[in-house]
Amino acid sequence: MRKFVTVFTVLGLLFMVSVLSGGNVSAQDVTPDHVDSSSALVKGLHTFWQYTGFSNVTSGNLIMIVVGLFFIFLAIRFNYEPLLLVPIGTGILLGNIPFVEGFQIGIYEEGSVLNYLYFGVLKGIYPPLIFLGIGAMTDFSSLISNPRLMLLGAAAQLGVFGTFVGAMAMGFEIHEAGAISIIGGADGPTAIFSSSKLAPHLIGSIAIAAYSYMALVPVIQPPIIRLMTTKKERLIKMKPPRAVSKTEKILFPLIGLLLTLFISPTALPLLGMLFFGNLMKECGVTERLAETARTKLIDIITILLGLTVGASTQASVFLTSQSIKIFVLGAASFIIATAGGLLFAKIMNLFLRKENKINPMIGAAGVSAVPDSARVVQHEGLKNDPSNHLLMHAMAPNVSGVIGSAVAAGMMLSFLM
């Protein structure tokens, strides 16, 4: 019964609007006051319609809304980086709700709430705080026990410099090419940080590309690993990493901070926070601070970063030929970075004794998608031999990839700023 009442109510309202906007009512039957009120109602309804999203929607808005829903689907259905893709996908929806400008709603409108939150992206505030949390949750033991595996993280940065060359070849200005190149490190926060300094107008495209490929690590990397390694190589078992003392764990962030920042001082906001977070974790006297950094703080910043980066992809700004080129370069750079790590691992084996040889698959973890790349290597290792556990070994190049991408970004900033 309620459904019928609702239907008749809607039909009645539509009929009234139709009549008031020029139906069959004659001028003789309507008083001047009635005409004035009717005109005001029609004008009000017309104004209301003009301010709705239905009136202002464009095909670009609809395309981006579908993209946002797809990101959320990937996160929920396949568990692809849900902590990133759910905020980014929701942000894309928020950024592409059609609206009339002037009401301080959109992320690019000065004074809007989203614009204030986006300040942390534009000024590079959020990425160092993300690195602080990463440092507080990262165990560098596997890297300390086998320092030579750091070379695999460095080799994977081939993707950064390959992307830089590719971006220049595709017509991007040199500062834009420098910002785009960091996608090759598969490091979203670092890509955002470098973009905020070199090409703020490309932050949205670069961030979405970087995080998209980070989320798709389990899809992209396995075929490359199988293509570039033989069955025999995938079956190599590595010696268990040695136990690392507490003193070594405390000294590592201090030495790493001084060494890397003397090499690349412009990476100070990122690497300084990374090693500071790790020192809080390992020193044993600041556990409360470390706990805050790796839980509440990083969760809050991830929400703000993902939401605002997603909202920055307004169709009018995001749907350009440049964005398409950036996504193509991102895919190529990720493949190059993965291949670079794998190839260098195979080269290293040429100079190692049989008992010290490394499984070349761990070279794929040289990209800084922590810990997803290491998990992919672990999965591939178990698929070829259920007793071959490679996770701890793969974490060494994985965490060194984080350091390597930040150093690479610092070098780009040094040359281009």
Protein backbone atom coordinates (compact mmCIF):
# COMPACT_ATOMS: atom_id res chain seq x y z
CA MET A 1 0.00 0.00 0.00
CA ARG A 2 2.87 2.36 0.89
CA LYS A 3 4.43 1.87 -2.55
CA PHE A 4 1.20 2.98 -4.24
CA VAL A 5 0.98 6.08 -2.02
CA THR A 6 4.59 6.97 -2.85
CA VAL A 7 4.04 6.53 -6.59
CA PHE A 8 0.87 8.68 -6.57
CA THR A 9 2.61 11.35 -4.48
CA VAL A 10 5.48 11.59 -6.99
CA LEU A 11 3.08 11.66 -9.93
CA GLY A 12 1.08 14.38 -8.21
CA LEU A 13 4.15 16.54 -7.67
CA LEU A 14 5.22 16.08 -11.27
CA PHE A 15 1.75 17.05 -12.41
CA MET A 16 1.82 20.20 -10.27
CA VAL A 17 5.19 21.24 -11.68
CA SER A 18 3.90 20.59 -15.19
CA VAL A 19 0.82 22.71 -14.59
CA LEU A 20 2.75 25.52 -12.92
CA SER A 21 5.29 25.63 -15.73
CA GLY A 22 2.78 26.13 -18.49
CA GLY A 23 0.04 23.50 -18.40
CA ASN A 24 -3.60 23.93 -19.42
CA VAL A 25 -4.58 26.44 -16.74
CA SER A 26 -6.00 29.56 -18.39
CA ALA A 27 -4.93 33.06 -17.43
CA GLN A 28 -8.53 33.90 -16.41
CA ASP A 29 -8.55 31.12 -13.79
CA VAL A 30 -5.38 32.30 -12.05
CA THR A 31 -5.07 35.27 -9.74
CA PRO A 32 -2.00 37.57 -9.93
CA ASP A 33 -0.82 36.35 -6.50
CA HIS A 34 -1.17 32.76 -7.67
CA VAL A 35 0.84 33.55 -10.82
CA ASP A 36 3.62 35.16 -8.80
CA SER A 37 3.89 32.25 -6.36
CA SER A 38 3.77 29.76 -9.21
CA SER A 39 6.55 31.57 -11.07
CA ALA A 40 8.66 31.73 -7.91
CA LEU A 41 8.18 28.00 -7.35
CA VAL A 42 9.11 27.19 -10.94
CA LYS A 43 12.15 29.47 -10.74
CA GLY A 44 13.17 27.88 -7.46
CA LEU A 45 12.85 24.38 -8.86
CA HIS A 46 14.81 25.42 -11.94
CA THR A 47 17.58 26.92 -9.80
CA PHE A 48 17.66 23.79 -7.64
CA TRP A 49 18.06 21.64 -10.76
CA GLN A 50 20.94 23.79 -12.02
CA TYR A 51 22.86 23.17 -8.79
CA THR A 52 22.42 19.39 -8.79
CA GLY A 53 25.07 17.00 -10.00
CA PHE A 54 22.64 15.62 -12.58
CA SER A 55 22.55 18.99 -14.33
CA ASN A 56 26.33 19.50 -14.33
CA VAL A 57 27.61 15.97 -14.95
CA THR A 58 30.00 15.37 -17.83
CA SER A 59 31.17 12.20 -19.52
CA GLY A 60 34.56 12.76 -17.88
CA ASN A 61 32.96 12.74 -14.42
CA LEU A 62 31.25 9.45 -15.18
CA ILE A 63 34.48 7.88 -16.46
CA MET A 64 36.38 8.87 -13.31
CA ILE A 65 33.55 7.67 -11.06
CA VAL A 66 33.77 4.27 -12.76
CA VAL A 67 37.56 4.32 -12.16
CA GLY A 68 37.01 5.11 -8.48
CA LEU A 69 34.49 2.29 -8.11
CA PHE A 70 36.94 -0.05 -9.87
CA PHE A 71 39.69 0.82 -7.37
CA ILE A 72 37.33 0.10 -4.48
CA PHE A 73 36.31 -3.18 -6.15
CA LEU A 74 39.95 -4.27 -6.51
CA ALA A 75 40.62 -3.45 -2.86
CA ILE A 76 37.58 -5.31 -1.50
CA ARG A 77 37.31 -8.21 -3.91
CA PHE A 78 41.00 -9.05 -4.41
CA ASN A 79 42.54 -7.37 -1.32
CA TYR A 80 44.88 -5.30 -3.52
CA GLU A 81 46.39 -2.66 -1.21
CA PRO A 82 43.02 -1.93 0.46
CA LEU A 83 44.51 0.61 2.86
CA LEU A 84 45.45 2.70 -0.17
CA LEU A 85 42.88 1.90 -2.83
CA VAL A 86 39.78 2.37 -0.66
CA PRO A 87 40.74 5.96 0.34
CA ILE A 88 41.97 6.77 -3.18
CA GLY A 89 38.88 5.27 -4.83
CA THR A 90 36.58 7.17 -2.47
CA GLY A 91 38.59 10.33 -3.10
CA ILE A 92 38.09 9.89 -6.86
CA LEU A 93 34.33 9.72 -6.27
CA LEU A 94 34.43 12.88 -4.13
CA GLY A 95 36.56 14.73 -6.65
CA ASN A 96 34.23 13.95 -9.53
CA ILE A 97 30.84 14.77 -8.02
CA PRO A 98 29.67 17.54 -10.40
CA PHE A 99 29.14 20.89 -8.68
CA VAL A 100 28.83 24.58 -9.47
CA GLU A 101 32.03 26.45 -8.61
CA GLY A 102 32.06 29.24 -6.08
CA PHE A 103 30.79 27.40 -3.01
CA GLN A 104 34.23 26.27 -1.74
CA ILE A 105 33.54 22.59 -2.39
CA GLY A 106 36.17 21.32 -4.82
CA ILE A 107 39.73 20.42 -3.91
CA TYR A 108 41.10 23.16 -6.17
CA GLU A 109 38.84 25.88 -4.71
CA GLU A 110 40.71 28.04 -2.22
CA GLY A 111 39.16 27.85 1.22
CA SER A 112 37.47 24.47 0.81
CA VAL A 113 38.04 21.71 3.38
CA LEU A 114 39.55 19.41 0.74
CA ASN A 115 41.85 22.22 -0.39
CA TYR A 116 43.19 22.62 3.15
CA LEU A 117 43.75 18.87 3.46
CA TYR A 118 45.43 18.83 0.03
CA PHE A 119 47.99 21.33 1.34
CA GLY A 120 49.86 18.42 2.93
CA VAL A 121 50.26 16.83 -0.51
CA LEU A 122 51.22 20.01 -2.36
CA LYS A 123 53.87 20.93 0.20
CA GLY A 124 55.23 17.41 0.61
CA ILE A 125 54.19 17.10 4.28
CA TYR A 126 52.44 13.73 4.18
CA PRO A 127 55.18 11.59 2.49
CA PRO A 128 57.84 12.13 5.22
CA LEU A 129 55.25 11.23 7.88
CA ILE A 130 54.48 8.05 5.93
CA PHE A 131 58.22 7.29 5.93
CA LEU A 132 58.33 7.83 9.68
CA GLY A 133 55.70 5.12 10.10
CA ILE A 134 57.42 2.81 7.62
CA GLY A 135 60.69 3.15 9.55
CA ALA A 136 58.95 2.35 12.83
CA MET A 137 57.47 -0.86 11.43
CA THR A 138 60.45 -2.09 9.37
CA ASP A 139 62.92 -4.72 10.52
CA PHE A 140 66.24 -4.23 8.72
CA SER A 141 67.73 -7.45 10.14
CA SER A 142 67.77 -9.31 6.82
CA LEU A 143 69.60 -6.41 5.16
CA ILE A 144 72.09 -6.07 8.02
CA SER A 145 72.83 -9.81 7.94
CA ASN A 146 73.51 -9.80 4.19
CA PRO A 147 74.47 -6.24 3.10
CA ARG A 148 75.35 -7.24 -0.47
CA LEU A 149 71.63 -7.71 -1.16
CA MET A 150 71.37 -3.92 -0.98
CA LEU A 151 72.82 -3.94 -4.50
CA LEU A 152 69.58 -5.51 -5.74
CA GLY A 153 67.60 -2.58 -4.38
CA ALA A 154 70.00 -0.23 -6.14
CA ALA A 155 69.74 -2.19 -9.41
CA ALA A 156 65.95 -1.92 -9.37
CA GLN A 157 66.30 1.88 -9.52
CA LEU A 158 67.10 1.34 -13.18
CA GLY A 159 63.37 1.86 -13.58
CA VAL A 160 63.70 5.43 -12.31
CA PHE A 161 66.35 6.47 -14.80
CA GLY A 162 64.75 4.50 -17.63
CA THR A 163 61.47 6.32 -16.99
CA PHE A 164 63.26 9.67 -16.99
CA VAL A 165 64.65 8.98 -20.45
CA GLY A 166 61.28 7.71 -21.65
CA ALA A 167 59.46 10.79 -20.32
CA MET A 168 61.89 13.10 -22.09
CA ALA A 169 61.42 11.13 -25.31
CA MET A 170 57.63 11.49 -25.00
CA GLY A 171 57.89 15.27 -24.88
CA PHE A 172 57.68 16.05 -21.16
CA GLU A 173 59.62 19.04 -19.85
CA ILE A 174 62.72 18.06 -17.86
CA HIS A 175 61.22 18.85 -14.43
CA GLU A 176 58.08 16.90 -15.32
CA ALA A 177 60.23 13.99 -16.51
CA GLY A 178 62.13 14.04 -13.21
CA ALA A 179 58.88 13.87 -11.23
CA ILE A 180 57.44 11.10 -13.41
CA SER A 181 60.63 9.03 -13.21
CA ILE A 182 60.13 8.23 -9.51
CA ILE A 183 57.18 6.02 -10.47
CA GLY A 184 59.92 3.59 -11.54
CA GLY A 185 60.81 3.08 -7.89
CA ALA A 186 57.26 1.80 -7.17
CA ASP A 187 57.19 4.15 -4.18
CA GLY A 188 54.01 6.22 -3.88
CA PRO A 189 55.08 8.62 -1.08
CA THR A 190 58.43 9.34 -2.74
CA ALA A 191 56.70 9.94 -6.09
CA ILE A 192 54.32 12.41 -4.44
CA PHE A 193 57.16 14.16 -2.60
CA SER A 194 59.26 14.65 -5.74
CA SER A 195 56.19 15.73 -7.74
CA SER A 196 55.34 18.38 -5.15
CA LYS A 197 58.77 19.91 -5.74
CA LEU A 198 59.21 19.44 -9.49
CA ALA A 199 55.73 19.27 -11.10
CA PRO A 200 52.84 20.01 -8.69
CA HIS A 201 50.35 20.07 -11.59
CA LEU A 202 51.05 16.37 -12.24
CA ILE A 203 50.73 15.12 -8.65
CA GLY A 204 47.34 13.49 -9.23
CA SER A 205 48.36 11.55 -12.32
CA ILE A 206 51.74 10.51 -10.90
CA ALA A 207 50.31 9.44 -7.53
CA ILE A 208 47.46 7.43 -9.05
CA ALA A 209 49.87 5.72 -11.46
CA ALA A 210 52.37 4.91 -8.69
CA TYR A 211 49.78 3.51 -6.29
CA SER A 212 47.96 1.63 -9.04
CA TYR A 213 51.06 -0.29 -10.02
CA MET A 214 51.99 -0.85 -6.36
CA ALA A 215 48.58 -2.45 -5.87
CA LEU A 216 49.04 -4.60 -8.96
CA VAL A 217 52.40 -6.03 -7.88
CA PRO A 218 50.92 -9.56 -7.48
CA VAL A 219 49.65 -9.36 -11.07
CA ILE A 220 52.59 -7.68 -12.84
CA GLN A 221 55.66 -9.28 -11.26
CA PRO A 222 55.06 -13.07 -11.45
CA PRO A 223 55.06 -13.26 -15.29
CA ILE A 224 58.28 -11.21 -15.44
CA ILE A 225 59.92 -13.44 -12.80
CA ARG A 226 59.02 -16.61 -14.71
CA LEU A 227 60.15 -15.13 -18.01
CA MET A 228 63.58 -14.05 -16.76
CA THR A 229 64.49 -17.03 -14.55
CA THR A 230 64.92 -20.73 -15.24
CA LYS A 231 63.33 -23.53 -13.24
CA LYS A 232 66.78 -24.41 -11.87
CA GLU A 233 67.35 -20.84 -10.69
CA ARG A 234 63.94 -20.66 -9.02
CA LEU A 235 64.81 -23.78 -6.99
CA ILE A 236 67.98 -22.29 -5.45
CA LYS A 237 67.87 -22.42 -1.66
CA MET A 238 69.68 -19.72 0.24
CA LYS A 239 71.41 -20.05 3.58
CA PRO A 240 69.36 -18.76 6.52
CA PRO A 241 70.29 -15.17 7.44
CA ARG A 242 72.51 -14.86 10.51
CA ALA A 243 71.17 -13.53 13.79
CA VAL A 244 71.59 -9.78 14.17
CA SER A 245 72.50 -8.24 17.53
CA LYS A 246 70.58 -5.40 19.17
CA THR A 247 73.64 -3.16 18.89
CA GLU A 248 73.73 -3.67 15.12
CA LYS A 249 70.04 -2.84 14.88
CA ILE A 250 70.59 0.42 16.78
CA LEU A 251 73.68 1.41 14.81
CA PHE A 252 72.11 0.71 11.41
CA PRO A 253 69.66 3.65 11.34
CA LEU A 254 72.32 6.01 12.66
CA ILE A 255 74.94 4.96 10.11
CA GLY A 256 72.33 4.75 7.34
CA LEU A 257 71.05 8.25 8.11
CA LEU A 258 74.50 9.84 8.04
CA LEU A 259 75.74 7.91 5.02
CA THR A 260 72.73 8.32 2.74
CA LEU A 261 72.11 11.98 3.62
CA PHE A 262 75.73 12.92 3.04
CA ILE A 263 75.33 11.35 -0.41
CA SER A 264 71.94 12.94 -1.11
CA PRO A 265 71.08 15.77 1.35
CA THR A 266 67.94 16.69 -0.60
CA ALA A 267 66.40 13.37 0.46
CA LEU A 268 66.62 14.46 4.12
CA PRO A 269 62.83 14.80 4.74
CA LEU A 270 62.24 11.22 3.58
CA LEU A 271 65.32 9.32 4.73
CA GLY A 272 65.65 11.35 7.92
CA MET A 273 62.14 10.32 8.94
CA LEU A 274 62.65 6.72 7.80
CA PHE A 275 65.75 6.17 9.94
CA PHE A 276 64.34 8.18 12.84
CA GLY A 277 61.29 5.91 12.90
CA ASN A 278 63.51 2.83 12.82
CA LEU A 279 65.72 4.16 15.62
CA MET A 280 62.62 4.65 17.80
CA LYS A 281 61.69 1.03 17.12
CA GLU A 282 65.09 -0.51 17.80
CA CYS A 283 66.53 1.58 20.65
CA GLY A 284 64.12 0.03 23.17
CA VAL A 285 63.37 3.22 25.15
CA THR A 286 60.83 4.94 22.89
CA GLU A 287 58.39 2.10 22.25
CA ARG A 288 55.36 4.35 22.84
CA LEU A 289 56.54 6.77 20.15
CA ALA A 290 57.33 3.94 17.74
CA GLU A 291 53.92 2.39 18.37
CA THR A 292 52.19 5.69 17.61
CA ALA A 293 54.23 6.21 14.45
CA ARG A 294 53.56 2.74 13.01
CA THR A 295 49.86 2.63 13.92
CA LYS A 296 47.76 5.72 14.62
CA LEU A 297 49.94 8.30 12.87
CA ILE A 298 50.55 6.37 9.66
CA ASP A 299 46.88 5.36 9.51
CA ILE A 300 45.71 8.97 9.79
CA ILE A 301 48.18 10.20 7.18
CA THR A 302 47.30 7.32 4.84
CA ILE A 303 43.63 8.31 5.03
CA LEU A 304 44.35 11.99 4.33
CA LEU A 305 46.88 11.25 1.59
CA GLY A 306 44.74 8.68 -0.22
CA LEU A 307 41.55 10.72 0.00
CA THR A 308 43.08 13.99 -1.22
CA VAL A 309 45.17 12.40 -3.96
CA GLY A 310 42.03 10.66 -5.21
CA ALA A 311 40.00 13.88 -5.02
CA SER A 312 42.65 15.71 -7.05
CA THR A 313 41.72 13.63 -10.11
CA GLN A 314 38.88 15.89 -11.22
CA ALA A 315 37.99 14.92 -14.77
CA SER A 316 38.72 18.40 -16.14
CA VAL A 317 42.26 18.20 -14.73
CA PHE A 318 43.03 14.48 -14.87
CA LEU A 319 41.64 13.23 -18.20
CA THR A 320 44.39 14.50 -20.47
CA SER A 321 46.85 12.99 -22.90
CA GLN A 322 49.58 13.61 -20.31
CA SER A 323 47.85 11.30 -17.83
CA ILE A 324 47.66 8.52 -20.40
CA LYS A 325 51.37 8.92 -21.15
CA ILE A 326 52.20 8.83 -17.44
CA PHE A 327 50.28 5.56 -17.00
CA VAL A 328 52.11 4.03 -19.99
CA LEU A 329 55.45 5.17 -18.57
CA GLY A 330 54.48 3.80 -15.16
CA ALA A 331 53.82 0.33 -16.56
CA ALA A 332 57.09 0.36 -18.51
CA SER A 333 59.08 1.62 -15.52
CA PHE A 334 57.72 -1.08 -13.23
CA ILE A 335 58.70 -3.76 -15.72
CA ILE A 336 62.16 -2.23 -16.15
CA ALA A 337 62.69 -2.00 -12.37
CA THR A 338 61.65 -5.62 -11.81
CA ALA A 339 63.80 -6.82 -14.71
CA GLY A 340 66.77 -4.77 -13.45
CA GLY A 341 66.69 -6.47 -10.04
CA LEU A 342 66.33 -9.94 -11.56
CA LEU A 343 69.13 -9.39 -14.06
CA PHE A 344 71.55 -8.04 -11.46
CA ALA A 345 70.87 -11.03 -9.18
CA LYS A 346 71.81 -13.34 -12.05
CA ILE A 347 75.00 -11.33 -12.67
CA MET A 348 75.90 -11.51 -8.96
CA ASN A 349 75.63 -15.30 -9.09
CA LEU A 350 78.39 -15.41 -11.69
CA PHE A 351 80.85 -14.24 -9.02
CA LEU A 352 79.54 -16.22 -6.04
CA ARG A 353 80.47 -19.69 -4.87
CA LYS A 354 77.85 -22.38 -5.25
CA GLU A 355 76.97 -22.44 -1.54
CA ASN A 356 76.55 -18.64 -1.50
CA LYS A 357 74.47 -18.23 -4.64
CA ILE A 358 71.27 -16.25 -4.30
CA ASN A 359 67.90 -17.09 -5.75
CA PRO A 360 67.54 -14.50 -8.55
CA MET A 361 63.82 -14.17 -7.85
CA ILE A 362 64.60 -12.02 -4.81
CA GLY A 363 65.94 -9.40 -7.25
CA ALA A 364 62.32 -8.63 -8.17
CA ALA A 365 61.82 -7.40 -4.60
CA GLY A 366 64.30 -4.60 -5.24
CA VAL A 367 61.38 -2.30 -6.03
CA SER A 368 60.19 -0.47 -2.96
CA ALA A 369 56.65 -1.87 -2.84
CA VAL A 370 57.06 -3.11 0.74
CA PRO A 371 56.21 -5.84 1.61
CA ASP A 372 54.16 -6.89 -1.42
CA SER A 373 57.13 -7.59 -3.69
CA ALA A 374 58.74 -9.76 -1.02
CA ARG A 375 55.48 -11.67 -0.64
CA VAL A 376 55.30 -12.25 -4.39
CA VAL A 377 58.82 -13.74 -4.30
CA GLN A 378 57.85 -15.92 -1.33
CA HIS A 379 54.76 -17.15 -3.20
CA GLU A 380 56.75 -17.93 -6.36
CA GLY A 381 59.38 -19.75 -4.33
CA LEU A 382 56.81 -21.95 -2.59
CA LYS A 383 55.09 -22.64 -5.89
CA ASN A 384 58.32 -24.14 -7.27
CA ASP A 385 59.38 -25.79 -4.01
CA PRO A 386 57.05 -25.88 -0.98
CA SER A 387 60.06 -26.00 1.35
CA ASN A 388 61.83 -22.95 -0.16
CA HIS A 389 61.01 -19.94 2.02
CA LEU A 390 62.41 -16.72 0.54
CA LEU A 391 60.50 -14.03 2.42
CA MET A 392 63.28 -13.02 4.83
CA HIS A 393 65.83 -12.98 2.01
CA ALA A 394 63.52 -10.93 -0.23
CA MET A 395 62.91 -8.35 2.49
CA ALA A 396 66.56 -7.24 2.25
CA PRO A 397 66.35 -5.89 -1.33
CA ASN A 398 62.77 -4.78 -0.62
CA VAL A 399 63.69 -2.41 2.21
CA SER A 400 66.85 -1.33 0.40
CA GLY A 401 64.60 -0.41 -2.52
CA VAL A 402 62.80 2.05 -0.23
CA ILE A 403 66.13 3.66 0.62
CA GLY A 404 67.25 3.52 -3.01
CA SER A 405 64.15 5.23 -4.39
CA ALA A 406 64.48 8.03 -1.82
CA VAL A 407 68.16 8.51 -2.73
CA ALA A 408 67.23 8.51 -6.44
CA ALA A 409 64.54 11.13 -5.78
CA GLY A 410 67.07 13.21 -3.85
CA MET A 411 69.49 13.04 -6.77
CA MET A 412 66.76 14.15 -9.18
CA LEU A 413 65.89 17.07 -6.93
CA SER A 414 69.56 18.04 -6.61
CA PHE A 415 70.00 18.22 -10.36
CA LEU A 416 66.67 19.77 -11.32
CA MET A 417 65.62 22.19 -8.57
